[in-house]
């Protein structure tokens, strides 16, 4: 008699990967600014960028496997475009939220109401370097200079930046960023990398993205630092500005502790980091619209297995059972999806 297949915990699988990357230091081993030339991970057919947790996972995978092409496709997308997956190629998991519509019945009145419950699902993609017939990506030198981008960004956002002292920080009560004078930094890149990190905190003010800051040394403080650190990395990947890598060592143990205590925290943190960068670059409305659409998968986004496993097992599917709706109803609500599909 065949044993039932153990139910996978996708949240835990992703969290374990991130914890391993934090403990080994690989999350910041390769400069994220290197992505400014090749671009953020994106779908090779639609051109949409992968955001949130998928940005981190695809960056790590590219680092480990030596990919320098930022395009990804599902097996179905590649086949329909006339390409072939290289023999022996391994697929890469990416994650998205879908919604399950259920009906709830009022025990007293008998009336029913519909409720949409978000649940996490996995899709499989292949890097362009594992797709035969696909022309190499054309890498064009950036048409911008990172320092000029930051100067315009600070001016456009209207950040109150004050100078003096020997440390950089954001003060939520007075809503200003404090920076040492520029001469205190070894380079203009280091100055703007630090300033970008503090502006990431600045976006959390109640009048903007409204995040909880906490007090120095407590968990909310460490969680906010994780969001600002990830946002710095994402911004670096888009603009080429050097990210501030000094903070992650100081908060490493706190981040690992938080992720081990809550397997959904890395999803919230990476989603918030994407929102921070979107706000800084002025595309908040665009991302909000895209985020809503992620719960309606396009036909080409059908979950698939790896090439080597296609004949051995059925394609991946959402693990929905008769009791799933009830369990999903107990999940924390208020989740934001990701702003790109496979």
C-alpha atoms as a PDB file:
ATOM      1  CA  UNK A   1       0.000   0.000   0.000  1.00  0.00           C
ATOM      2  CA  UNK A   2       1.404   3.376  -0.998  1.00  0.00           C
ATOM      3  CA  UNK A   3       2.080   5.794   1.808  1.00  0.00           C
ATOM      4  CA  UNK A   4       0.344   9.168   1.503  1.00  0.00           C
ATOM      5  CA  UNK A   5       2.626  11.936   0.290  1.00  0.00           C
ATOM      6  CA  UNK A   6       3.495  14.269   3.184  1.00  0.00           C
ATOM      7  CA  UNK A   7       1.937  17.693   2.786  1.00  0.00           C
ATOM      8  CA  UNK A   8       4.530  20.298   1.885  1.00  0.00           C
ATOM      9  CA  UNK A   9       4.892  23.470   3.935  1.00  0.00           C
ATOM     10  CA  UNK A  10       5.914  26.026   1.301  1.00  0.00           C
ATOM     11  CA  UNK A  11       6.341  28.786   3.872  1.00  0.00           C
ATOM     12  CA  UNK A  12       8.794  26.688   5.841  1.00  0.00           C
ATOM     13  CA  UNK A  13      10.703  25.598   2.749  1.00  0.00           C
ATOM     14  CA  UNK A  14      11.290  29.195   1.675  1.00  0.00           C
ATOM     15  CA  UNK A  15      12.126  30.332   5.197  1.00  0.00           C
ATOM     16  CA  UNK A  16      14.707  27.562   5.559  1.00  0.00           C
ATOM     17  CA  UNK A  17      16.384  28.684   2.322  1.00  0.00           C
ATOM     18  CA  UNK A  18      16.612  32.286   3.488  1.00  0.00           C
ATOM     19  CA  UNK A  19      17.913  31.328   6.933  1.00  0.00           C
ATOM     20  CA  UNK A  20      20.605  29.195   5.295  1.00  0.00           C
ATOM     21  CA  UNK A  21      21.569  32.142   3.057  1.00  0.00           C
ATOM     22  CA  UNK A  22      21.731  34.486   6.048  1.00  0.00           C
ATOM     23  CA  UNK A  23      23.835  32.074   8.088  1.00  0.00           C
ATOM     24  CA  UNK A  24      26.265  31.467   5.226  1.00  0.00           C
ATOM     25  CA  UNK A  25      26.406  35.126   4.184  1.00  0.00           C
ATOM     26  CA  UNK A  26      25.491  34.353   0.570  1.00  0.00           C
ATOM     27  CA  UNK A  27      22.576  36.804   0.550  1.00  0.00           C
ATOM     28  CA  UNK A  28      25.040  39.693   0.353  1.00  0.00           C
ATOM     29  CA  UNK A  29      28.036  37.846  -1.081  1.00  0.00           C
ATOM     30  CA  UNK A  30      27.505  39.123  -4.612  1.00  0.00           C
ATOM     31  CA  UNK A  31      26.864  42.877  -4.956  1.00  0.00           C
ATOM     32  CA  UNK A  32      23.216  43.455  -5.806  1.00  0.00           C
ATOM     33  CA  UNK A  33      24.343  46.437  -7.883  1.00  0.00           C
ATOM     34  CA  UNK A  34      25.603  43.879 -10.443  1.00  0.00           C
ATOM     35  CA  UNK A  35      21.973  43.348 -11.424  1.00  0.00           C
ATOM     36  CA  UNK A  36      21.684  46.954 -12.602  1.00  0.00           C
ATOM     37  CA  UNK A  37      23.234  45.936 -15.937  1.00  0.00           C
ATOM     38  CA  UNK A  38      21.341  42.680 -16.550  1.00  0.00           C
ATOM     39  CA  UNK A  39      18.149  43.821 -14.826  1.00  0.00           C
ATOM     40  CA  UNK A  40      16.022  42.354 -12.073  1.00  0.00           C
ATOM     41  CA  UNK A  41      14.749  38.788 -12.590  1.00  0.00           C
ATOM     42  CA  UNK A  42      11.906  38.939 -15.095  1.00  0.00           C
ATOM     43  CA  UNK A  43       9.673  36.698 -17.140  1.00  0.00           C
ATOM     44  CA  UNK A  44      11.183  36.051 -20.565  1.00  0.00           C
ATOM     45  CA  UNK A  45       7.815  36.229 -22.332  1.00  0.00           C
ATOM     46  CA  UNK A  46       5.836  38.962 -20.569  1.00  0.00           C
ATOM     47  CA  UNK A  47       8.825  40.989 -19.414  1.00  0.00           C
ATOM     48  CA  UNK A  48       7.275  41.432 -15.975  1.00  0.00           C
ATOM     49  CA  UNK A  49       9.676  41.549 -13.064  1.00  0.00           C
ATOM     50  CA  UNK A  50       9.552  39.049 -10.224  1.00  0.00           C
ATOM     51  CA  UNK A  51       9.235  40.920  -6.942  1.00  0.00           C
ATOM     52  CA  UNK A  52       9.213  40.276  -3.231  1.00  0.00           C
ATOM     53  CA  UNK A  53      10.491  36.891  -2.100  1.00  0.00           C
ATOM     54  CA  UNK A  54      10.970  35.746  -5.695  1.00  0.00           C
ATOM     55  CA  UNK A  55      13.573  38.468  -6.316  1.00  0.00           C
ATOM     56  CA  UNK A  56      15.637  37.128  -3.429  1.00  0.00           C
ATOM     57  CA  UNK A  57      15.267  33.462  -4.346  1.00  0.00           C
ATOM     58  CA  UNK A  58      16.104  33.961  -8.020  1.00  0.00           C
ATOM     59  CA  UNK A  59      19.080  36.159  -7.115  1.00  0.00           C
ATOM     60  CA  UNK A  60      20.434  33.438  -4.812  1.00  0.00           C
ATOM     61  CA  UNK A  61      19.829  30.728  -7.408  1.00  0.00           C
ATOM     62  CA  UNK A  62      21.620  32.736 -10.103  1.00  0.00           C
ATOM     63  CA  UNK A  63      24.522  33.285  -7.742  1.00  0.00           C
ATOM     64  CA  UNK A  64      24.830  29.601  -6.891  1.00  0.00           C
ATOM     65  CA  UNK A  65      24.450  28.344 -10.471  1.00  0.00           C
ATOM     66  CA  UNK A  66      26.360  31.067 -12.287  1.00  0.00           C
ATOM     67  CA  UNK A  67      23.475  32.545 -14.276  1.00  0.00           C
ATOM     68  CA  UNK A  68      24.072  35.977 -15.757  1.00  0.00           C
ATOM     69  CA  UNK A  69      20.797  36.122 -17.702  1.00  0.00           C
ATOM     70  CA  UNK A  70      17.856  37.509 -15.725  1.00  0.00           C
ATOM     71  CA  UNK A  71      15.087  35.949 -17.864  1.00  0.00           C
ATOM     72  CA  UNK A  72      12.951  33.016 -16.703  1.00  0.00           C
ATOM     73  CA  UNK A  73      10.133  30.984 -18.260  1.00  0.00           C
ATOM     74  CA  UNK A  74       7.844  28.145 -17.350  1.00  0.00           C
ATOM     75  CA  UNK A  75       8.168  24.905 -19.335  1.00  0.00           C
ATOM     76  CA  UNK A  76       4.869  25.669 -21.062  1.00  0.00           C
ATOM     77  CA  UNK A  77       5.921  29.186 -22.017  1.00  0.00           C
ATOM     78  CA  UNK A  78       9.207  27.974 -23.480  1.00  0.00           C
ATOM     79  CA  UNK A  79       7.501  25.193 -25.456  1.00  0.00           C
ATOM     80  CA  UNK A  80       4.810  27.447 -26.879  1.00  0.00           C
ATOM     81  CA  UNK A  81       7.491  29.938 -27.971  1.00  0.00           C
ATOM     82  CA  UNK A  82       9.323  27.187 -29.851  1.00  0.00           C
ATOM     83  CA  UNK A  83      12.194  26.685 -27.413  1.00  0.00           C
ATOM     84  CA  UNK A  84      13.454  23.534 -25.707  1.00  0.00           C
ATOM     85  CA  UNK A  85      14.647  23.035 -22.156  1.00  0.00           C
ATOM     86  CA  UNK A  86      18.228  21.817 -22.005  1.00  0.00           C
ATOM     87  CA  UNK A  87      18.460  18.145 -21.065  1.00  0.00           C
ATOM     88  CA  UNK A  88      19.175  17.744 -17.373  1.00  0.00           C
ATOM     89  CA  UNK A  89      18.200  21.338 -16.535  1.00  0.00           C
ATOM     90  CA  UNK A  90      16.677  21.841 -13.112  1.00  0.00           C
ATOM     91  CA  UNK A  91      13.693  24.083 -12.595  1.00  0.00           C
ATOM     92  CA  UNK A  92      13.543  26.783  -9.949  1.00  0.00           C
ATOM     93  CA  UNK A  93      10.536  27.323  -7.668  1.00  0.00           C
ATOM     94  CA  UNK A  94       8.831  30.699  -7.466  1.00  0.00           C
ATOM     95  CA  UNK A  95       5.862  31.477  -5.243  1.00  0.00           C
ATOM     96  CA  UNK A  96       2.609  33.379  -5.639  1.00  0.00           C
ATOM     97  CA  UNK A  97      -0.594  33.910  -3.756  1.00  0.00           C
ATOM     98  CA  UNK A  98      -3.859  32.739  -5.215  1.00  0.00           C
ATOM     99  CA  UNK A  99      -7.327  33.042  -3.742  1.00  0.00           C
ATOM    100  CA  UNK A 100      -9.842  30.393  -2.839  1.00  0.00           C
ATOM    101  CA  UNK A 101     -13.453  31.554  -2.790  1.00  0.00           C
ATOM    102  CA  UNK A 102     -15.464  29.889  -0.038  1.00  0.00           C
ATOM    103  CA  UNK A 103     -18.932  30.368   1.397  1.00  0.00           C
ATOM    104  CA  UNK A 104     -19.498  30.896   5.096  1.00  0.00           C
ATOM    105  CA  UNK A 105     -22.885  30.223   6.644  1.00  0.00           C
ATOM    106  CA  UNK A 106     -24.176  32.207   9.592  1.00  0.00           C
ATOM    107  CA  UNK A 107     -25.201  29.664  12.229  1.00  0.00           C
ATOM    108  CA  UNK A 108     -28.055  31.856  13.507  1.00  0.00           C
ATOM    109  CA  UNK A 109     -29.588  33.300  10.329  1.00  0.00           C
ATOM    110  CA  UNK A 110     -28.488  30.664   7.830  1.00  0.00           C
ATOM    111  CA  UNK A 111     -27.321  33.371   5.451  1.00  0.00           C
ATOM    112  CA  UNK A 112     -24.194  32.686   3.418  1.00  0.00           C
ATOM    113  CA  UNK A 113     -21.446  35.112   2.517  1.00  0.00           C
ATOM    114  CA  UNK A 114     -18.527  34.646   0.142  1.00  0.00           C
ATOM    115  CA  UNK A 115     -14.983  35.017   1.382  1.00  0.00           C
ATOM    116  CA  UNK A 116     -11.715  34.987  -0.573  1.00  0.00           C
ATOM    117  CA  UNK A 117      -8.875  33.260   1.267  1.00  0.00           C
ATOM    118  CA  UNK A 118      -5.287  33.729   0.065  1.00  0.00           C
ATOM    119  CA  UNK A 119      -3.051  30.699  -0.103  1.00  0.00           C
ATOM    120  CA  UNK A 120       0.496  30.173  -1.293  1.00  0.00           C
ATOM    121  CA  UNK A 121       1.260  28.123  -4.374  1.00  0.00           C
ATOM    122  CA  UNK A 122       4.449  27.162  -6.184  1.00  0.00           C
ATOM    123  CA  UNK A 123       5.342  27.377  -9.872  1.00  0.00           C
ATOM    124  CA  UNK A 124       8.472  26.200 -11.669  1.00  0.00           C
ATOM    125  CA  UNK A 125      10.606  28.272 -14.016  1.00  0.00           C
ATOM    126  CA  UNK A 126      13.833  27.821 -15.967  1.00  0.00           C
ATOM    127  CA  UNK A 127      16.618  30.323 -16.479  1.00  0.00           C
ATOM    128  CA  UNK A 128      17.233  31.495 -20.056  1.00  0.00           C
ATOM    129  CA  UNK A 129      20.652  29.827 -20.040  1.00  0.00           C
ATOM    130  CA  UNK A 130      18.886  26.476 -19.739  1.00  0.00           C
ATOM    131  CA  UNK A 131      16.564  27.203 -22.671  1.00  0.00           C
ATOM    132  CA  UNK A 132      17.804  26.118 -26.087  1.00  0.00           C
ATOM    133  CA  UNK A 133      17.001  28.334 -29.067  1.00  0.00           C
ATOM    134  CA  UNK A 134      16.628  31.490 -27.009  1.00  0.00           C
ATOM    135  CA  UNK A 135      18.943  34.250 -28.155  1.00  0.00           C
ATOM    136  CA  UNK A 136      21.292  35.649 -25.488  1.00  0.00           C
ATOM    137  CA  UNK A 137      20.035  38.783 -23.803  1.00  0.00           C
ATOM    138  CA  UNK A 138      21.351  42.057 -25.150  1.00  0.00           C
ATOM    139  CA  UNK A 139      23.003  43.883 -22.273  1.00  0.00           C
ATOM    140  CA  UNK A 140      23.131  47.604 -22.793  1.00  0.00           C
ATOM    141  CA  UNK A 141      25.148  49.894 -20.514  1.00  0.00           C
ATOM    142  CA  UNK A 142      22.858  51.843 -18.162  1.00  0.00           C
ATOM    143  CA  UNK A 143      21.839  55.200 -19.518  1.00  0.00           C
ATOM    144  CA  UNK A 144      21.964  56.713 -16.055  1.00  0.00           C
ATOM    145  CA  UNK A 145      24.548  57.396 -13.384  1.00  0.00           C
ATOM    146  CA  UNK A 146      23.668  55.987  -9.950  1.00  0.00           C
ATOM    147  CA  UNK A 147      24.708  59.110  -8.051  1.00  0.00           C
ATOM    148  CA  UNK A 148      22.625  61.361 -10.293  1.00  0.00           C
ATOM    149  CA  UNK A 149      19.656  59.031  -9.814  1.00  0.00           C
ATOM    150  CA  UNK A 150      19.953  59.327  -6.041  1.00  0.00           C
ATOM    151  CA  UNK A 151      20.315  63.100  -6.136  1.00  0.00           C
ATOM    152  CA  UNK A 152      17.149  63.441  -8.213  1.00  0.00           C
ATOM    153  CA  UNK A 153      15.350  60.898  -6.034  1.00  0.00           C
ATOM    154  CA  UNK A 154      16.096  62.766  -2.799  1.00  0.00           C
ATOM    155  CA  UNK A 155      14.959  66.038  -4.335  1.00  0.00           C
ATOM    156  CA  UNK A 156      11.767  64.545  -5.761  1.00  0.00           C
ATOM    157  CA  UNK A 157      10.768  62.834  -2.515  1.00  0.00           C
ATOM    158  CA  UNK A 158      11.373  65.964  -0.459  1.00  0.00           C
ATOM    159  CA  UNK A 159      13.274  64.138   2.277  1.00  0.00           C
ATOM    160  CA  UNK A 160      14.416  66.397   5.118  1.00  0.00           C
ATOM    161  CA  UNK A 161      18.121  65.501   5.260  1.00  0.00           C
ATOM    162  CA  UNK A 162      20.165  67.158   8.019  1.00  0.00           C
ATOM    163  CA  UNK A 163      23.933  66.913   8.336  1.00  0.00           C
ATOM    164  CA  UNK A 164      26.196  66.565  11.354  1.00  0.00           C
ATOM    165  CA  UNK A 165      27.360  64.026  13.898  1.00  0.00           C
ATOM    166  CA  UNK A 166      29.079  60.726  13.272  1.00  0.00           C
ATOM    167  CA  UNK A 167      26.207  58.357  12.494  1.00  0.00           C
ATOM    168  CA  UNK A 168      23.358  58.047  10.029  1.00  0.00           C
ATOM    169  CA  UNK A 169      19.783  57.486  11.192  1.00  0.00           C
ATOM    170  CA  UNK A 170      16.137  58.311  10.596  1.00  0.00           C
ATOM    171  CA  UNK A 171      14.156  60.001  13.382  1.00  0.00           C
ATOM    172  CA  UNK A 172      10.444  59.080  13.084  1.00  0.00           C
ATOM    173  CA  UNK A 173       9.258  61.653  15.642  1.00  0.00           C
ATOM    174  CA  UNK A 174      10.764  64.615  13.777  1.00  0.00           C
ATOM    175  CA  UNK A 175      10.561  62.885  10.383  1.00  0.00           C
ATOM    176  CA  UNK A 176      14.081  63.713   9.266  1.00  0.00           C
ATOM    177  CA  UNK A 177      17.169  61.808   8.137  1.00  0.00           C
ATOM    178  CA  UNK A 178      20.449  62.607   9.848  1.00  0.00           C
ATOM    179  CA  UNK A 179      23.682  62.061   7.922  1.00  0.00           C
ATOM    180  CA  UNK A 180      27.359  62.717   8.644  1.00  0.00           C
ATOM    181  CA  UNK A 181      28.875  65.236   6.253  1.00  0.00           C
ATOM    182  CA  UNK A 182      29.823  63.837   2.865  1.00  0.00           C
ATOM    183  CA  UNK A 183      33.521  64.084   3.600  1.00  0.00           C
ATOM    184  CA  UNK A 184      33.113  61.487   6.349  1.00  0.00           C
ATOM    185  CA  UNK A 185      32.455  58.801   3.723  1.00  0.00           C
ATOM    186  CA  UNK A 186      35.186  57.125   1.653  1.00  0.00           C
ATOM    187  CA  UNK A 187      33.292  57.763  -1.601  1.00  0.00           C
ATOM    188  CA  UNK A 188      30.173  59.359  -3.034  1.00  0.00           C
ATOM    189  CA  UNK A 189      28.813  55.847  -3.657  1.00  0.00           C
ATOM    190  CA  UNK A 190      29.175  54.985   0.052  1.00  0.00           C
ATOM    191  CA  UNK A 191      27.432  58.216   1.024  1.00  0.00           C
ATOM    192  CA  UNK A 192      24.444  57.643  -1.240  1.00  0.00           C
ATOM    193  CA  UNK A 193      24.257  53.954  -0.381  1.00  0.00           C
ATOM    194  CA  UNK A 194      23.893  54.890   3.289  1.00  0.00           C
ATOM    195  CA  UNK A 195      21.421  57.661   2.480  1.00  0.00           C
ATOM    196  CA  UNK A 196      19.308  55.233   0.431  1.00  0.00           C
ATOM    197  CA  UNK A 197      19.112  52.898   3.430  1.00  0.00           C
ATOM    198  CA  UNK A 198      17.906  55.696   5.712  1.00  0.00           C
ATOM    199  CA  UNK A 199      15.362  56.883   3.149  1.00  0.00           C
ATOM    200  CA  UNK A 200      14.068  53.322   3.183  1.00  0.00           C
ATOM    201  CA  UNK A 201      13.282  53.851   6.874  1.00  0.00           C
ATOM    202  CA  UNK A 202      11.808  57.273   6.050  1.00  0.00           C
ATOM    203  CA  UNK A 203       9.132  55.621   3.892  1.00  0.00           C
ATOM    204  CA  UNK A 204       7.747  53.901   7.008  1.00  0.00           C
ATOM    205  CA  UNK A 205       6.373  57.148   8.475  1.00  0.00           C
ATOM    206  CA  UNK A 206       2.595  57.010   9.227  1.00  0.00           C
ATOM    207  CA  UNK A 207       1.957  59.521   6.433  1.00  0.00           C
ATOM    208  CA  UNK A 208       3.627  57.181   3.904  1.00  0.00           C
ATOM    209  CA  UNK A 209       3.780  53.371   4.208  1.00  0.00           C
ATOM    210  CA  UNK A 210       3.059  53.335   7.941  1.00  0.00           C
ATOM    211  CA  UNK A 211       5.330  50.632   9.375  1.00  0.00           C
ATOM    212  CA  UNK A 212       6.150  49.865  13.003  1.00  0.00           C
ATOM    213  CA  UNK A 213       9.643  50.999  14.002  1.00  0.00           C
ATOM    214  CA  UNK A 214       9.969  49.742  17.572  1.00  0.00           C
ATOM    215  CA  UNK A 215      12.796  50.629  19.944  1.00  0.00           C
ATOM    216  CA  UNK A 216      16.479  49.892  19.547  1.00  0.00           C
ATOM    217  CA  UNK A 217      17.174  46.261  20.406  1.00  0.00           C
ATOM    218  CA  UNK A 218      13.605  44.935  20.272  1.00  0.00           C
ATOM    219  CA  UNK A 219      12.033  42.684  17.628  1.00  0.00           C
ATOM    220  CA  UNK A 220      10.063  45.368  15.733  1.00  0.00           C
ATOM    221  CA  UNK A 221      13.296  47.366  15.392  1.00  0.00           C
ATOM    222  CA  UNK A 222      15.148  44.373  13.951  1.00  0.00           C
ATOM    223  CA  UNK A 223      12.263  43.607  11.587  1.00  0.00           C
ATOM    224  CA  UNK A 224      12.328  47.165  10.287  1.00  0.00           C
ATOM    225  CA  UNK A 225      16.076  46.893   9.713  1.00  0.00           C
ATOM    226  CA  UNK A 226      15.521  43.726   7.687  1.00  0.00           C
ATOM    227  CA  UNK A 227      13.010  45.551   5.492  1.00  0.00           C
ATOM    228  CA  UNK A 228      15.333  48.510   4.970  1.00  0.00           C
ATOM    229  CA  UNK A 229      18.246  46.186   4.214  1.00  0.00           C
ATOM    230  CA  UNK A 230      16.296  44.221   1.631  1.00  0.00           C
ATOM    231  CA  UNK A 231      14.991  47.461   0.123  1.00  0.00           C
ATOM    232  CA  UNK A 232      18.570  48.735  -0.169  1.00  0.00           C
ATOM    233  CA  UNK A 233      19.482  45.553  -2.028  1.00  0.00           C
ATOM    234  CA  UNK A 234      16.484  45.828  -4.368  1.00  0.00           C
ATOM    235  CA  UNK A 235      17.192  49.512  -5.034  1.00  0.00           C
ATOM    236  CA  UNK A 236      20.829  48.697  -5.701  1.00  0.00           C
ATOM    237  CA  UNK A 237      19.775  46.087  -8.244  1.00  0.00           C
ATOM    238  CA  UNK A 238      17.623  48.633 -10.083  1.00  0.00           C
ATOM    239  CA  UNK A 239      19.797  51.748  -9.950  1.00  0.00           C
ATOM    240  CA  UNK A 240      23.339  50.467  -9.433  1.00  0.00           C
ATOM    241  CA  UNK A 241      23.840  52.509  -6.280  1.00  0.00           C
ATOM    242  CA  UNK A 242      25.971  50.629  -3.736  1.00  0.00           C
ATOM    243  CA  UNK A 243      23.922  49.104  -0.943  1.00  0.00           C
ATOM    244  CA  UNK A 244      24.913  49.598   2.665  1.00  0.00           C
ATOM    245  CA  UNK A 245      26.120  46.177   3.850  1.00  0.00           C
ATOM    246  CA  UNK A 246      27.220  47.174   7.346  1.00  0.00           C
ATOM    247  CA  UNK A 247      23.884  46.627   9.061  1.00  0.00           C
ATOM    248  CA  UNK A 248      23.161  42.996   8.259  1.00  0.00           C
ATOM    249  CA  UNK A 249      25.981  41.644  10.427  1.00  0.00           C
ATOM    250  CA  UNK A 250      24.750  43.542  13.491  1.00  0.00           C
ATOM    251  CA  UNK A 251      21.164  42.291  13.144  1.00  0.00           C
ATOM    252  CA  UNK A 252      21.857  38.831  11.732  1.00  0.00           C
ATOM    253  CA  UNK A 253      21.011  36.867  14.875  1.00  0.00           C
ATOM    254  CA  UNK A 254      17.827  38.895  15.429  1.00  0.00           C
ATOM    255  CA  UNK A 255      16.664  38.280  11.860  1.00  0.00           C
ATOM    256  CA  UNK A 256      17.331  34.564  12.043  1.00  0.00           C
ATOM    257  CA  UNK A 257      15.489  34.385  15.357  1.00  0.00           C
ATOM    258  CA  UNK A 258      12.493  36.229  13.883  1.00  0.00           C
ATOM    259  CA  UNK A 259      12.368  34.001  10.802  1.00  0.00           C
ATOM    260  CA  UNK A 260      12.591  30.828  12.860  1.00  0.00           C
ATOM    261  CA  UNK A 261       9.752  32.035  15.082  1.00  0.00           C
ATOM    262  CA  UNK A 262       7.465  32.984  12.172  1.00  0.00           C
ATOM    263  CA  UNK A 263       7.790  31.215   8.834  1.00  0.00           C
ATOM    264  CA  UNK A 264       5.725  33.923   7.130  1.00  0.00           C
ATOM    265  CA  UNK A 265       7.924  36.835   8.222  1.00  0.00           C
ATOM    266  CA  UNK A 266      10.284  36.692   5.229  1.00  0.00           C
ATOM    267  CA  UNK A 267       7.274  36.966   2.887  1.00  0.00           C
ATOM    268  CA  UNK A 268       6.056  40.070   4.707  1.00  0.00           C
ATOM    269  CA  UNK A 269       9.547  41.571   4.857  1.00  0.00           C
ATOM    270  CA  UNK A 270      10.305  41.067   1.162  1.00  0.00           C
ATOM    271  CA  UNK A 271       6.860  42.346   0.174  1.00  0.00           C
ATOM    272  CA  UNK A 272       7.400  45.457   2.305  1.00  0.00           C
ATOM    273  CA  UNK A 273      10.860  45.924   0.763  1.00  0.00           C
ATOM    274  CA  UNK A 274       9.318  45.888  -2.705  1.00  0.00           C
ATOM    275  CA  UNK A 275       6.785  48.512  -1.590  1.00  0.00           C
ATOM    276  CA  UNK A 276       9.594  50.665  -0.180  1.00  0.00           C
ATOM    277  CA  UNK A 277      11.463  50.697  -3.486  1.00  0.00           C
ATOM    278  CA  UNK A 278       8.250  51.274  -5.428  1.00  0.00           C
ATOM    279  CA  UNK A 279       7.462  54.270  -3.233  1.00  0.00           C
ATOM    280  CA  UNK A 280      10.970  55.665  -3.604  1.00  0.00           C
ATOM    281  CA  UNK A 281      10.899  55.315  -7.387  1.00  0.00           C
ATOM    282  CA  UNK A 282       7.393  56.711  -7.701  1.00  0.00           C
ATOM    283  CA  UNK A 283       5.467  53.694  -8.910  1.00  0.00           C
ATOM    284  CA  UNK A 284       3.376  52.871  -5.841  1.00  0.00           C
ATOM    285  CA  UNK A 285       0.067  53.015  -7.716  1.00  0.00           C
ATOM    286  CA  UNK A 286       1.402  50.798 -10.494  1.00  0.00           C
ATOM    287  CA  UNK A 287       2.574  48.147  -8.068  1.00  0.00           C
ATOM    288  CA  UNK A 288      -0.623  48.247  -6.058  1.00  0.00           C
ATOM    289  CA  UNK A 289      -2.591  47.549  -9.228  1.00  0.00           C
ATOM    290  CA  UNK A 290      -0.240  44.747 -10.227  1.00  0.00           C
ATOM    291  CA  UNK A 291      -0.333  43.215  -6.764  1.00  0.00           C
ATOM    292  CA  UNK A 292      -4.104  42.844  -6.966  1.00  0.00           C
ATOM    293  CA  UNK A 293      -3.848  41.045 -10.288  1.00  0.00           C
ATOM    294  CA  UNK A 294      -1.494  38.364  -9.002  1.00  0.00           C
ATOM    295  CA  UNK A 295      -4.427  36.449  -7.569  1.00  0.00           C
ATOM    296  CA  UNK A 296      -5.723  35.846 -11.089  1.00  0.00           C
ATOM    297  CA  UNK A 297      -3.068  33.642 -12.757  1.00  0.00           C
ATOM    298  CA  UNK A 298      -2.724  33.828 -16.520  1.00  0.00           C
ATOM    299  CA  UNK A 299      -3.130  30.646 -18.582  1.00  0.00           C
ATOM    300  CA  UNK A 300       0.602  30.325 -19.218  1.00  0.00           C
ATOM    301  CA  UNK A 301       1.311  30.201 -15.499  1.00  0.00           C
ATOM    302  CA  UNK A 302       0.289  26.581 -15.020  1.00  0.00           C
ATOM    303  CA  UNK A 303       2.350  24.837 -12.320  1.00  0.00           C
ATOM    304  CA  UNK A 304       4.789  22.315 -13.766  1.00  0.00           C
ATOM    305  CA  UNK A 305       7.357  19.812 -12.616  1.00  0.00           C
ATOM    306  CA  UNK A 306      11.010  19.745 -13.611  1.00  0.00           C
ATOM    307  CA  UNK A 307      11.862  18.252 -17.015  1.00  0.00           C
ATOM    308  CA  UNK A 308      13.483  15.214 -15.439  1.00  0.00           C
ATOM    309  CA  UNK A 309      10.389  14.555 -13.331  1.00  0.00           C
ATOM    310  CA  UNK A 310       7.657  15.178 -15.902  1.00  0.00           C
ATOM    311  CA  UNK A 311       7.095  11.496 -16.669  1.00  0.00           C
ATOM    312  CA  UNK A 312       7.496  10.336 -13.090  1.00  0.00           C
ATOM    313  CA  UNK A 313       4.813  12.322 -11.393  1.00  0.00           C
ATOM    314  CA  UNK A 314       1.868  14.571 -12.016  1.00  0.00           C
ATOM    315  CA  UNK A 315       2.457  18.313 -12.338  1.00  0.00           C
ATOM    316  CA  UNK A 316       2.585  20.287  -9.119  1.00  0.00           C
ATOM    317  CA  UNK A 317      -0.782  21.475  -7.918  1.00  0.00           C
ATOM    318  CA  UNK A 318      -2.162  23.350  -4.962  1.00  0.00           C
ATOM    319  CA  UNK A 319      -2.615  21.098  -1.974  1.00  0.00           C
ATOM    320  CA  UNK A 320      -6.346  21.638  -1.474  1.00  0.00           C
ATOM    321  CA  UNK A 321      -8.312  19.053   0.500  1.00  0.00           C
ATOM    322  CA  UNK A 322     -11.846  19.147   1.940  1.00  0.00           C
ATOM    323  CA  UNK A 323     -10.443  20.538   5.180  1.00  0.00           C
ATOM    324  CA  UNK A 324      -8.178  23.074   3.533  1.00  0.00           C
ATOM    325  CA  UNK A 325     -10.745  25.850   3.347  1.00  0.00           C
ATOM    326  CA  UNK A 326     -11.302  25.722   7.078  1.00  0.00           C
ATOM    327  CA  UNK A 327      -7.570  25.733   7.797  1.00  0.00           C
ATOM    328  CA  UNK A 328      -6.954  28.567   5.353  1.00  0.00           C
ATOM    329  CA  UNK A 329      -9.663  30.628   7.006  1.00  0.00           C
ATOM    330  CA  UNK A 330      -7.528  30.655  10.138  1.00  0.00           C
ATOM    331  CA  UNK A 331      -4.496  32.119   8.376  1.00  0.00           C
ATOM    332  CA  UNK A 332      -3.509  35.723   9.149  1.00  0.00           C
ATOM    333  CA  UNK A 333      -5.227  38.068   6.704  1.00  0.00           C
ATOM    334  CA  UNK A 334      -3.974  41.269   5.142  1.00  0.00           C
ATOM    335  CA  UNK A 335      -1.421  39.624   2.870  1.00  0.00           C
ATOM    336  CA  UNK A 336      -0.170  41.374  -0.232  1.00  0.00           C
ATOM    337  CA  UNK A 337       0.736  39.234  -3.202  1.00  0.00           C
ATOM    338  CA  UNK A 338       3.689  39.675  -5.496  1.00  0.00           C
ATOM    339  CA  UNK A 339       3.704  42.019  -8.443  1.00  0.00           C
ATOM    340  CA  UNK A 340       4.648  39.567 -11.155  1.00  0.00           C
ATOM    341  CA  UNK A 341       3.566  36.159 -12.316  1.00  0.00           C
ATOM    342  CA  UNK A 342       5.815  33.376 -13.671  1.00  0.00           C
END
